[in-house]
C-alpha atoms as a PDB file:
ATOM      1  CA  MET A   1    -119.600 103.050 143.176  1.00  0.00           C
ATOM      2  CA  PHE A   2    -116.988 103.495 140.029  1.00  0.00           C
ATOM      3  CA  GLY A   3    -116.524 106.746 137.957  1.00  0.00           C
ATOM      4  CA  LYS A   4    -117.738 106.756 134.016  1.00  0.00           C
ATOM      5  CA  PRO A   5    -114.237 106.688 132.779  1.00  0.00           C
ATOM      6  CA  PHE A   6    -113.737 102.919 134.644  1.00  0.00           C
ATOM      7  CA  VAL A   7    -116.856 101.818 133.928  1.00  0.00           C
ATOM      8  CA  ARG A   8    -116.252 102.647 130.043  1.00  0.00           C
ATOM      9  CA  THR A   9    -112.976 100.692 130.239  1.00  0.00           C
ATOM     10  CA  LEU A  10    -114.636  98.123 132.045  1.00  0.00           C
ATOM     11  CA  ILE A  11    -117.310  97.830 129.578  1.00  0.00           C
ATOM     12  CA  SER A  12    -115.172  97.991 126.768  1.00  0.00           C
ATOM     13  CA  ARG A  13    -112.982  95.500 127.784  1.00  0.00           C
ATOM     14  CA  SER A  14    -115.203  93.018 128.718  1.00  0.00           C
ATOM     15  CA  ALA A  15    -116.006  92.282 125.110  1.00  0.00           C
ATOM     16  CA  GLU A  16    -113.214  89.637 125.620  1.00  0.00           C
ATOM     17  CA  ASN A  17    -115.664  87.578 127.609  1.00  0.00           C
ATOM     18  CA  PRO A  18    -119.092  87.342 126.987  1.00  0.00           C
ATOM     19  CA  THR A  19    -119.940  85.971 130.007  1.00  0.00           C
ATOM     20  CA  ASP A  20    -118.588  88.870 132.159  1.00  0.00           C
ATOM     21  CA  ARG A  21    -119.961  91.615 129.653  1.00  0.00           C
ATOM     22  CA  ARG A  22    -123.877  90.298 129.926  1.00  0.00           C
ATOM     23  CA  ARG A  23    -122.730  89.571 133.942  1.00  0.00           C
ATOM     24  CA  PHE A  24    -120.913  93.058 134.603  1.00  0.00           C
ATOM     25  CA  LEU A  25    -123.668  95.370 133.014  1.00  0.00           C
ATOM     26  CA  LYS A  26    -126.564  93.178 134.732  1.00  0.00           C
ATOM     27  CA  ALA A  27    -124.918  94.483 138.027  1.00  0.00           C
ATOM     28  CA  ALA A  28    -124.108  97.908 136.553  1.00  0.00           C
ATOM     29  CA  GLY A  29    -127.371  98.731 135.922  1.00  0.00           C
ATOM     30  CA  ALA A  30    -128.474  97.214 139.371  1.00  0.00           C
ATOM     31  CA  ALA A  31    -125.786  99.767 140.712  1.00  0.00           C
ATOM     32  CA  GLY A  32    -127.478 102.679 138.872  1.00  0.00           C
ATOM     33  CA  LEU A  33    -124.491 102.560 136.500  1.00  0.00           C
ATOM     34  CA  GLY A  34    -127.372 101.658 133.822  1.00  0.00           C
ATOM     35  CA  VAL A  35    -127.309 105.068 131.625  1.00  0.00           C
ATOM     36  CA  VAL A  36    -123.555 105.354 131.106  1.00  0.00           C
ATOM     37  CA  GLY A  37    -123.561 101.434 130.507  1.00  0.00           C
ATOM     38  CA  ALA A  38    -125.861 101.256 128.022  1.00  0.00           C
ATOM     39  CA  THR A  39    -125.063 104.547 126.316  1.00  0.00           C
ATOM     40  CA  TYR A  40    -121.430 103.304 125.993  1.00  0.00           C
ATOM     41  CA  LEU A  41    -122.726  99.986 124.819  1.00  0.00           C
ATOM     42  CA  GLY A  42    -124.443 101.517 121.906  1.00  0.00           C
ATOM     43  CA  VAL A  43    -121.962 102.587 120.006  1.00  0.00           C
ATOM     44  CA  GLN A  44    -119.086  99.974 121.122  1.00  0.00           C
ATOM     45  CA  ALA A  45    -121.921  97.086 120.259  1.00  0.00           C
ATOM     46  CA  THR A  46    -120.661  96.695 116.622  1.00  0.00           C
ATOM     47  CA  SER A  47    -117.091  97.034 116.603  1.00  0.00           C
ATOM     48  CA  SER A  48    -116.815  94.713 119.587  1.00  0.00           C
ATOM     49  CA  ALA A  49    -119.130  91.501 118.026  1.00  0.00           C
ATOM     50  CA  SER A  50    -115.751  89.694 116.186  1.00  0.00           C
ATOM     51  CA  ALA A  51    -113.644  90.361 118.812  1.00  0.00           C
ATOM     52  CA  THR A  52    -116.784  89.041 121.240  1.00  0.00           C
ATOM     53  CA  GLY A  53    -116.917  85.937 118.934  1.00  0.00           C
ATOM     54  CA  ASP A  54    -113.076  85.360 118.916  1.00  0.00           C
ATOM     55  CA  ALA A  55    -112.739  85.839 122.454  1.00  0.00           C
ATOM     56  CA  ALA A  56    -115.206  83.101 123.104  1.00  0.00           C
ATOM     57  CA  ALA A  57    -113.863  80.713 121.242  1.00  0.00           C
ATOM     58  CA  ALA A  58    -110.655  81.443 122.844  1.00  0.00           C
ATOM     59  CA  ALA A  59    -111.722  81.030 125.720  1.00  0.00           C
ATOM     60  CA  ALA A  60    -113.417  77.820 125.186  1.00  0.00           C
ATOM     61  CA  GLY A  61    -113.479  75.551 128.082  1.00  0.00           C
ATOM     62  CA  ALA A  62    -112.132  77.881 129.940  1.00  0.00           C
ATOM     63  CA  PRO A  63    -113.219  79.521 133.418  1.00  0.00           C
ATOM     64  CA  SER A  64    -114.550  82.912 133.322  1.00  0.00           C
ATOM     65  CA  ASP A  65    -113.311  86.094 134.652  1.00  0.00           C
ATOM     66  CA  ALA A  66    -116.229  86.135 137.049  1.00  0.00           C
ATOM     67  CA  ALA A  67    -115.333  82.706 138.139  1.00  0.00           C
ATOM     68  CA  VAL A  68    -112.096  83.295 138.635  1.00  0.00           C
ATOM     69  CA  LEU A  69    -112.858  86.377 140.577  1.00  0.00           C
ATOM     70  CA  ASN A  70    -115.090  84.854 142.698  1.00  0.00           C
ATOM     71  CA  PHE A  71    -112.578  82.254 143.549  1.00  0.00           C
ATOM     72  CA  ALA A  72    -110.689  84.823 144.805  1.00  0.00           C
ATOM     73  CA  LEU A  73    -113.004  86.512 146.620  1.00  0.00           C
ATOM     74  CA  ASN A  74    -113.650  83.558 148.862  1.00  0.00           C
ATOM     75  CA  LEU A  75    -110.089  83.410 149.593  1.00  0.00           C
ATOM     76  CA  GLU A  76    -110.671  87.538 150.569  1.00  0.00           C
ATOM     77  CA  TYR A  77    -113.688  86.300 152.938  1.00  0.00           C
ATOM     78  CA  LEU A  78    -111.272  83.605 155.217  1.00  0.00           C
ATOM     79  CA  GLU A  79    -108.175  86.256 155.189  1.00  0.00           C
ATOM     80  CA  ALA A  80    -110.712  89.288 156.054  1.00  0.00           C
ATOM     81  CA  GLU A  81    -112.301  87.296 158.823  1.00  0.00           C
ATOM     82  CA  PHE A  82    -109.262  86.140 159.972  1.00  0.00           C
ATOM     83  CA  TYR A  83    -107.763  89.496 160.284  1.00  0.00           C
ATOM     84  CA  SER A  84    -110.610  91.157 161.319  1.00  0.00           C
ATOM     85  CA  PHE A  85    -111.385  88.956 164.229  1.00  0.00           C
ATOM     86  CA  ALA A  86    -107.296  89.460 165.411  1.00  0.00           C
ATOM     87  CA  VAL A  87    -107.347  93.079 165.282  1.00  0.00           C
ATOM     88  CA  HIS A  88    -110.952  94.321 166.304  1.00  0.00           C
ATOM     89  CA  GLY A  89    -112.554  90.988 167.495  1.00  0.00           C
ATOM     90  CA  ARG A  90    -115.131  91.101 165.164  1.00  0.00           C
ATOM     91  CA  GLY A  91    -115.650  89.816 161.558  1.00  0.00           C
ATOM     92  CA  LEU A  92    -117.445  91.193 158.306  1.00  0.00           C
ATOM     93  CA  PRO A  93    -120.433  93.420 158.711  1.00  0.00           C
ATOM     94  CA  ASP A  94    -123.109  92.023 157.086  1.00  0.00           C
ATOM     95  CA  ASP A  95    -123.400  93.725 153.944  1.00  0.00           C
ATOM     96  CA  LEU A  96    -120.059  92.537 152.924  1.00  0.00           C
ATOM     97  CA  THR A  97    -121.559  88.922 153.214  1.00  0.00           C
ATOM     98  CA  GLY A  98    -124.300  88.052 150.840  1.00  0.00           C
ATOM     99  CA  GLY A  99    -124.170  87.004 147.142  1.00  0.00           C
ATOM    100  CA  ALA A 100    -124.957  84.295 144.878  1.00  0.00           C
ATOM    101  CA  GLY A 101    -124.390  80.658 146.644  1.00  0.00           C
ATOM    102  CA  THR A 102    -125.086  79.362 150.213  1.00  0.00           C
ATOM    103  CA  GLN A 103    -124.166  82.027 152.978  1.00  0.00           C
ATOM    104  CA  GLY A 104    -122.663  80.613 155.604  1.00  0.00           C
ATOM    105  CA  GLY A 105    -121.457  82.070 159.505  1.00  0.00           C
ATOM    106  CA  VAL A 106    -117.904  82.061 160.711  1.00  0.00           C
ATOM    107  CA  SER A 107    -117.012  79.663 163.719  1.00  0.00           C
ATOM    108  CA  GLY A 108    -114.011  80.335 166.264  1.00  0.00           C
ATOM    109  CA  GLY A 109    -112.066  84.338 165.690  1.00  0.00           C
ATOM    110  CA  LYS A 110    -111.312  86.391 168.813  1.00  0.00           C
ATOM    111  CA  LYS A 111    -108.924  89.604 169.083  1.00  0.00           C
ATOM    112  CA  VAL A 112    -105.455  89.072 170.058  1.00  0.00           C
ATOM    113  CA  MET A 113    -103.622  90.735 172.456  1.00  0.00           C
ATOM    114  CA  PHE A 114    -100.467  92.151 170.622  1.00  0.00           C
ATOM    115  CA  HIS A 115     -97.769  93.244 173.087  1.00  0.00           C
ATOM    116  CA  ASP A 116     -95.535  94.237 169.916  1.00  0.00           C
ATOM    117  CA  LYS A 117     -96.808  97.789 169.004  1.00  0.00           C
ATOM    118  CA  ALA A 118     -95.438  97.302 165.471  1.00  0.00           C
ATOM    119  CA  LEU A 119     -96.746  94.412 165.128  1.00  0.00           C
ATOM    120  CA  HIS A 120    -100.386  95.168 166.117  1.00  0.00           C
ATOM    121  CA  GLN A 121     -99.855  98.542 163.135  1.00  0.00           C
ATOM    122  CA  PHE A 122     -99.168  95.277 160.486  1.00  0.00           C
ATOM    123  CA  ALA A 123    -101.335  93.528 161.403  1.00  0.00           C
ATOM    124  CA  LYS A 124    -104.196  96.035 161.635  1.00  0.00           C
ATOM    125  CA  GLU A 125    -102.533  97.450 157.890  1.00  0.00           C
ATOM    126  CA  ILE A 126    -103.082  93.900 156.777  1.00  0.00           C
ATOM    127  CA  ALA A 127    -106.821  93.880 157.882  1.00  0.00           C
ATOM    128  CA  GLY A 128    -107.884  97.147 156.302  1.00  0.00           C
ATOM    129  CA  ASP A 129    -106.380  95.696 153.276  1.00  0.00           C
ATOM    130  CA  GLU A 130    -108.428  92.519 153.579  1.00  0.00           C
ATOM    131  CA  VAL A 131    -111.874  93.911 154.089  1.00  0.00           C
ATOM    132  CA  ALA A 132    -110.688  96.410 151.517  1.00  0.00           C
ATOM    133  CA  HIS A 133    -110.216  93.291 148.620  1.00  0.00           C
ATOM    134  CA  VAL A 134    -113.774  92.109 150.118  1.00  0.00           C
ATOM    135  CA  LYS A 135    -114.997  95.180 149.305  1.00  0.00           C
ATOM    136  CA  PHE A 136    -113.611  95.878 145.874  1.00  0.00           C
ATOM    137  CA  LEU A 137    -114.177  92.352 144.019  1.00  0.00           C
ATOM    138  CA  ARG A 138    -117.769  92.399 145.848  1.00  0.00           C
ATOM    139  CA  GLY A 139    -118.188  95.767 143.633  1.00  0.00           C
ATOM    140  CA  ALA A 140    -116.577  94.901 140.474  1.00  0.00           C
ATOM    141  CA  LEU A 141    -118.414  91.311 140.130  1.00  0.00           C
ATOM    142  CA  GLY A 142    -121.873  92.679 140.993  1.00  0.00           C
ATOM    143  CA  GLU A 143    -124.958  90.419 141.690  1.00  0.00           C
ATOM    144  CA  ALA A 144    -122.416  88.020 140.760  1.00  0.00           C
ATOM    145  CA  ALA A 145    -120.556  88.060 143.583  1.00  0.00           C
ATOM    146  CA  VAL A 146    -120.926  84.760 145.800  1.00  0.00           C
ATOM    147  CA  SER A 147    -121.420  85.146 148.960  1.00  0.00           C
ATOM    148  CA  ARG A 148    -119.671  83.875 151.967  1.00  0.00           C
ATOM    149  CA  PRO A 149    -119.252  80.595 152.369  1.00  0.00           C
ATOM    150  CA  GLU A 150    -119.141  78.978 156.237  1.00  0.00           C
ATOM    151  CA  ILE A 151    -115.654  79.511 157.666  1.00  0.00           C
ATOM    152  CA  ASP A 152    -113.804  77.843 160.225  1.00  0.00           C
ATOM    153  CA  LEU A 153    -111.277  79.449 162.348  1.00  0.00           C
ATOM    154  CA  LYS A 154    -111.100  77.030 165.421  1.00  0.00           C
ATOM    155  CA  ASN A 155    -111.027  73.277 164.695  1.00  0.00           C
ATOM    156  CA  SER A 156    -109.374  73.849 161.120  1.00  0.00           C
ATOM    157  CA  PHE A 157    -105.870  75.722 162.810  1.00  0.00           C
ATOM    158  CA  THR A 158    -105.875  72.555 165.055  1.00  0.00           C
ATOM    159  CA  ALA A 159    -106.122  70.087 162.069  1.00  0.00           C
ATOM    160  CA  ALA A 160    -103.668  71.922 159.983  1.00  0.00           C
ATOM    161  CA  ALA A 161    -100.924  72.508 163.196  1.00  0.00           C
ATOM    162  CA  ARG A 162    -101.197  68.896 164.005  1.00  0.00           C
ATOM    163  CA  ALA A 163    -100.484  67.785 160.490  1.00  0.00           C
ATOM    164  CA  ALA A 164     -97.731  70.474 160.878  1.00  0.00           C
ATOM    165  CA  GLY A 165     -96.309  68.619 163.451  1.00  0.00           C
ATOM    166  CA  LEU A 166     -96.811  71.746 165.562  1.00  0.00           C
ATOM    167  CA  ILE A 167     -98.510  70.028 168.259  1.00  0.00           C
ATOM    168  CA  SER A 168     -99.351  66.485 169.114  1.00  0.00           C
ATOM    169  CA  GLU A 169    -103.008  65.076 168.210  1.00  0.00           C
ATOM    170  CA  TYR A 170    -103.872  65.473 171.312  1.00  0.00           C
ATOM    171  CA  GLN A 171    -103.278  69.606 171.772  1.00  0.00           C
ATOM    172  CA  GLN A 172    -104.983  72.208 170.540  1.00  0.00           C
ATOM    173  CA  PHE A 173    -103.886  75.478 168.520  1.00  0.00           C
ATOM    174  CA  ASP A 174    -105.745  79.008 168.899  1.00  0.00           C
ATOM    175  CA  PRO A 175    -104.649  81.043 166.422  1.00  0.00           C
ATOM    176  CA  PHE A 176    -105.854  84.207 168.570  1.00  0.00           C
ATOM    177  CA  ALA A 177    -104.001  83.155 171.659  1.00  0.00           C
ATOM    178  CA  SER A 178    -100.760  84.756 171.046  1.00  0.00           C
ATOM    179  CA  GLU A 179     -98.714  86.668 168.962  1.00  0.00           C
ATOM    180  CA  LYS A 180     -96.836  84.116 168.039  1.00  0.00           C
ATOM    181  CA  ASN A 181     -99.722  81.906 167.008  1.00  0.00           C
ATOM    182  CA  PHE A 182    -101.175  85.037 164.946  1.00  0.00           C
ATOM    183  CA  LEU A 183     -97.877  85.146 162.780  1.00  0.00           C
ATOM    184  CA  LEU A 184     -97.925  81.359 162.008  1.00  0.00           C
ATOM    185  CA  ALA A 185    -101.532  81.216 161.276  1.00  0.00           C
ATOM    186  CA  ALA A 186    -101.052  84.387 159.089  1.00  0.00           C
ATOM    187  CA  PHE A 187     -98.018  82.508 157.435  1.00  0.00           C
ATOM    188  CA  LEU A 188    -100.448  79.803 156.454  1.00  0.00           C
ATOM    189  CA  PHE A 189    -102.775  82.322 154.932  1.00  0.00           C
ATOM    190  CA  GLU A 190    -100.376  84.600 153.006  1.00  0.00           C
ATOM    191  CA  ASP A 191     -98.152  82.328 151.054  1.00  0.00           C
ATOM    192  CA  VAL A 192    -101.266  80.574 149.927  1.00  0.00           C
ATOM    193  CA  GLY A 193    -102.815  84.164 148.606  1.00  0.00           C
ATOM    194  CA  VAL A 194     -99.461  84.870 146.734  1.00  0.00           C
ATOM    195  CA  THR A 195     -99.416  81.937 144.939  1.00  0.00           C
ATOM    196  CA  ALA A 196    -103.074  81.437 143.819  1.00  0.00           C
ATOM    197  CA  TYR A 197    -103.181  85.098 142.427  1.00  0.00           C
ATOM    198  CA  LYS A 198     -99.854  83.840 140.181  1.00  0.00           C
ATOM    199  CA  GLY A 199    -101.821  80.774 139.449  1.00  0.00           C
ATOM    200  CA  ALA A 200    -105.262  82.588 138.218  1.00  0.00           C
ATOM    201  CA  ALA A 201    -103.424  85.524 136.312  1.00  0.00           C
ATOM    202  CA  PRO A 202    -103.352  83.387 133.419  1.00  0.00           C
ATOM    203  CA  LEU A 203    -107.052  82.501 133.635  1.00  0.00           C
ATOM    204  CA  ILE A 204    -108.073  86.008 133.356  1.00  0.00           C
ATOM    205  CA  THR A 205    -108.703  87.211 129.949  1.00  0.00           C
ATOM    206  CA  ASN A 206    -109.846  90.823 130.731  1.00  0.00           C
ATOM    207  CA  LYS A 207    -107.559  93.502 130.839  1.00  0.00           C
ATOM    208  CA  THR A 208    -108.812  95.692 133.283  1.00  0.00           C
ATOM    209  CA  PHE A 209    -110.039  92.732 136.001  1.00  0.00           C
ATOM    210  CA  LEU A 210    -106.265  91.360 135.204  1.00  0.00           C
ATOM    211  CA  ASP A 211    -104.839  94.898 136.311  1.00  0.00           C
ATOM    212  CA  ALA A 212    -106.856  94.602 139.256  1.00  0.00           C
ATOM    213  CA  ALA A 213    -105.831  91.100 140.409  1.00  0.00           C
ATOM    214  CA  ALA A 214    -102.355  92.067 139.618  1.00  0.00           C
ATOM    215  CA  GLY A 215    -102.570  95.255 142.271  1.00  0.00           C
ATOM    216  CA  ILE A 216    -104.230  92.744 144.603  1.00  0.00           C
ATOM    217  CA  LEU A 217    -101.630  90.044 144.170  1.00  0.00           C
ATOM    218  CA  ALA A 218     -99.169  92.459 145.297  1.00  0.00           C
ATOM    219  CA  ALA A 219    -100.514  93.586 147.884  1.00  0.00           C
ATOM    220  CA  GLU A 220    -101.002  90.407 149.206  1.00  0.00           C
ATOM    221  CA  ALA A 221     -96.830  89.588 148.937  1.00  0.00           C
ATOM    222  CA  TYR A 222     -96.406  92.315 150.619  1.00  0.00           C
ATOM    223  CA  HIS A 223     -97.956  91.329 153.251  1.00  0.00           C
ATOM    224  CA  ALA A 224     -96.204  87.799 152.907  1.00  0.00           C
ATOM    225  CA  ALA A 225     -93.057  89.401 152.754  1.00  0.00           C
ATOM    226  CA  THR A 226     -94.373  91.604 156.592  1.00  0.00           C
ATOM    227  CA  ILE A 227     -95.283  88.339 157.844  1.00  0.00           C
ATOM    228  CA  ARG A 228     -92.240  86.024 156.889  1.00  0.00           C
ATOM    229  CA  THR A 229     -90.034  89.050 157.906  1.00  0.00           C
ATOM    230  CA  ALA A 230     -91.245  88.836 161.638  1.00  0.00           C
ATOM    231  CA  LEU A 231     -91.307  85.177 161.739  1.00  0.00           C
ATOM    232  CA  PHE A 232     -87.431  85.517 160.996  1.00  0.00           C
ATOM    233  CA  ASP A 233     -87.355  88.257 163.084  1.00  0.00           C
ATOM    234  CA  ARG A 234     -88.283  86.116 166.425  1.00  0.00           C
ATOM    235  CA  GLU A 235     -86.799  82.796 165.270  1.00  0.00           C
ATOM    236  CA  LEU A 236     -89.800  81.048 164.074  1.00  0.00           C
ATOM    237  CA  GLY A 237     -87.826  79.503 161.302  1.00  0.00           C
ATOM    238  CA  ASP A 238     -88.357  75.692 162.014  1.00  0.00           C
ATOM    239  CA  ALA A 239     -92.249  76.589 162.917  1.00  0.00           C
ATOM    240  CA  ALA A 240     -92.607  78.225 159.487  1.00  0.00           C
ATOM    241  CA  ALA A 241     -90.452  75.612 157.959  1.00  0.00           C
ATOM    242  CA  LYS A 242     -92.999  72.740 159.262  1.00  0.00           C
ATOM    243  CA  ILE A 243     -96.144  74.754 157.478  1.00  0.00           C
ATOM    244  CA  SER A 244     -93.763  75.089 154.491  1.00  0.00           C
ATOM    245  CA  ASN A 245     -93.471  71.156 154.247  1.00  0.00           C
ATOM    246  CA  ALA A 246     -97.143  70.670 155.183  1.00  0.00           C
ATOM    247  CA  ARG A 247     -98.558  72.219 152.009  1.00  0.00           C
ATOM    248  CA  ASP A 248     -95.994  70.880 150.133  1.00  0.00           C
ATOM    249  CA  ALA A 249     -98.183  67.718 151.437  1.00  0.00           C
ATOM    250  CA  LEU A 250    -101.545  68.827 150.683  1.00  0.00           C
ATOM    251  CA  ASP A 251    -100.858  70.056 147.200  1.00  0.00           C
ATOM    252  CA  GLY A 252     -99.878  67.652 145.069  1.00  0.00           C
ATOM    253  CA  PRO A 253     -96.504  66.709 143.508  1.00  0.00           C
ATOM    254  CA  GLY A 254     -93.320  69.530 143.434  1.00  0.00           C
ATOM    255  CA  ASP A 255     -91.411  71.061 146.415  1.00  0.00           C
ATOM    256  CA  ASP A 256     -91.946  74.362 145.224  1.00  0.00           C
ATOM    257  CA  ASP A 257     -93.037  76.086 149.054  1.00  0.00           C
ATOM    258  CA  GLN A 258     -90.411  77.487 151.005  1.00  0.00           C
ATOM    259  CA  GLY A 259     -89.988  78.311 154.720  1.00  0.00           C
ATOM    260  CA  VAL A 260     -88.591  81.263 155.875  1.00  0.00           C
ATOM    261  CA  LEU A 261     -85.161  80.240 156.252  1.00  0.00           C
ATOM    262  CA  LEU A 262     -83.012  78.678 153.529  1.00  0.00           C
ATOM    263  CA  GLY A 263     -80.105  77.078 154.893  1.00  0.00           C
ATOM    264  CA  ASN A 264     -78.826  79.455 158.043  1.00  0.00           C
ATOM    265  CA  GLN A 265     -80.490  82.333 156.017  1.00  0.00           C
ATOM    266  CA  ALA A 266     -82.972  84.454 155.531  1.00  0.00           C
ATOM    267  CA  ASN A 267     -85.543  83.013 152.880  1.00  0.00           C
ATOM    268  CA  ILE A 268     -88.247  86.562 152.700  1.00  0.00           C
ATOM    269  CA  VAL A 269     -89.063  85.992 149.065  1.00  0.00           C
ATOM    270  CA  PRO A 270     -89.293  82.669 147.995  1.00  0.00           C
ATOM    271  CA  THR A 271     -88.358  82.508 144.839  1.00  0.00           C
ATOM    272  CA  ASP A 272     -86.438  79.668 142.221  1.00  0.00           C
ATOM    273  CA  GLN A 273     -83.078  80.422 140.305  1.00  0.00           C
ATOM    274  CA  ASN A 274     -84.314  82.918 138.243  1.00  0.00           C
ATOM    275  CA  GLY A 275     -86.071  84.732 141.197  1.00  0.00           C
ATOM    276  CA  ILE A 276     -89.412  83.673 140.040  1.00  0.00           C
ATOM    277  CA  CYS A 277     -92.268  82.983 142.927  1.00  0.00           C
ATOM    278  CA  PHE A 278     -94.315  80.242 141.825  1.00  0.00           C
ATOM    279  CA  GLY A 279     -98.360  79.518 141.332  1.00  0.00           C
ATOM    280  CA  ARG A 280    -100.630  77.119 142.101  1.00  0.00           C
ATOM    281  CA  GLY A 281    -104.056  76.235 140.230  1.00  0.00           C
ATOM    282  CA  ALA A 282    -107.463  76.803 141.934  1.00  0.00           C
ATOM    283  CA  ASP A 283    -107.771  72.969 142.486  1.00  0.00           C
ATOM    284  CA  ARG A 284    -104.369  72.886 144.416  1.00  0.00           C
ATOM    285  CA  VAL A 285    -104.947  76.221 146.768  1.00  0.00           C
ATOM    286  CA  LEU A 286    -107.845  73.779 147.523  1.00  0.00           C
ATOM    287  CA  ASN A 287    -105.773  71.109 148.418  1.00  0.00           C
ATOM    288  CA  VAL A 288    -104.186  73.695 150.842  1.00  0.00           C
ATOM    289  CA  VAL A 289    -107.756  75.214 152.830  1.00  0.00           C
ATOM    290  CA  TYR A 290    -109.579  72.127 152.609  1.00  0.00           C
ATOM    291  CA  LEU A 291    -106.526  70.667 154.297  1.00  0.00           C
ATOM    292  CA  ASN A 292    -107.145  67.524 152.195  1.00  0.00           C
ATOM    293  CA  PRO A 293    -104.430  66.349 149.506  1.00  0.00           C
ATOM    294  CA  GLY A 294    -107.259  64.761 147.397  1.00  0.00           C
ATOM    295  CA  ALA A 295    -109.921  65.512 145.097  1.00  0.00           C
ATOM    296  CA  VAL A 296    -113.042  66.604 147.885  1.00  0.00           C
ATOM    297  CA  LYS A 297    -115.015  69.726 147.890  1.00  0.00           C
ATOM    298  CA  GLU A 298    -115.398  71.162 151.026  1.00  0.00           C
ATOM    299  CA  GLY A 299    -113.008  70.346 154.550  1.00  0.00           C
ATOM    300  CA  GLY A 300    -110.685  72.427 156.600  1.00  0.00           C
ATOM    301  CA  PHE A 301    -111.404  76.079 156.612  1.00  0.00           C
ATOM    302  CA  PHE A 302    -114.799  76.108 153.940  1.00  0.00           C
ATOM    303  CA  PRO A 303    -116.388  73.237 156.024  1.00  0.00           C
ATOM    304  CA  LYS A 304    -118.986  73.416 153.379  1.00  0.00           C
ATOM    305  CA  GLY A 305    -116.993  74.216 150.704  1.00  0.00           C
ATOM    306  CA  VAL A 306    -116.427  77.627 148.678  1.00  0.00           C
ATOM    307  CA  ASN A 307    -118.784  79.264 146.392  1.00  0.00           C
ATOM    308  CA  GLY A 308    -119.273  80.017 143.153  1.00  0.00           C
ATOM    309  CA  ASP A 309    -117.789  77.513 139.808  1.00  0.00           C
ATOM    310  CA  ILE A 310    -114.388  77.058 141.425  1.00  0.00           C
ATOM    311  CA  VAL A 311    -115.042  74.393 144.082  1.00  0.00           C
ATOM    312  CA  ALA A 312    -113.101  71.117 143.775  1.00  0.00           C
ATOM    313  CA  SER A 313    -109.230  70.650 144.789  1.00  0.00           C
ATOM    314  CA  GLY A 314    -107.416  68.142 142.644  1.00  0.00           C
ATOM    315  CA  GLY A 315    -106.451  64.482 143.447  1.00  0.00           C
ATOM    316  CA  ALA A 316    -103.218  62.965 144.318  1.00  0.00           C
END
């Protein structure tokens, strides 16, 4: 799966986090990379010992890199399932859903009848990227990768739409029923994905993992800008503002989330006065995807919670 240069770099740099070093070496051996890893490890073991100890002390009490990447993998499962159903009418193949933790199914999801050729192409490209993110993270984590948790692509969207005031308490919201609904649903996901990777970046100690996460963050930002532009072009700024306000109401104090309009002008890139996008901690990301402002471990898009070590949302 990975070439020798990548493996050598990853093993060397994984000394920054002993837990992930052990996990990666175990996974690498299972993937047929044990000879490369073992040979290189023999050369590096002595020189890395002190660096490993220093990194372990510095990282005391912080989540491991594997925990952070597995948290991201849960979100990638959600996005990949949503876009795969919207574009192809089917979800992830079985060989991309297993792993550690309780594996769950997906409720809801169907093919969107796209009429706008450009939007259809955008959706296909994003779907391909999200599936690739799942494959990459699963490959990087090896045997430590968590399985796809139970995902709700049906009732959760109705609950989110009601909370945002897009529909009444008696109406249903089907994200796959129209291009408009698809865009509003994608807007909910994409902005959360960008802020999640931004918030996770300071927690990653392994430089190779950080480089990969930065690359995924960039891809998610491109996706978010595409969706935000499409919403602006279709004059869906008011609806997007309601979703933005709902996210703000869920993720604790502060008013960082922004819609696609600022006044009457386009707001495609939501930044502060320094032109910097904000990030969410994992607990606040979970507040949004669990659709609950309280401290809980399940709900919303993940009815039985996410898999891995990071599972609890933040409290009020």
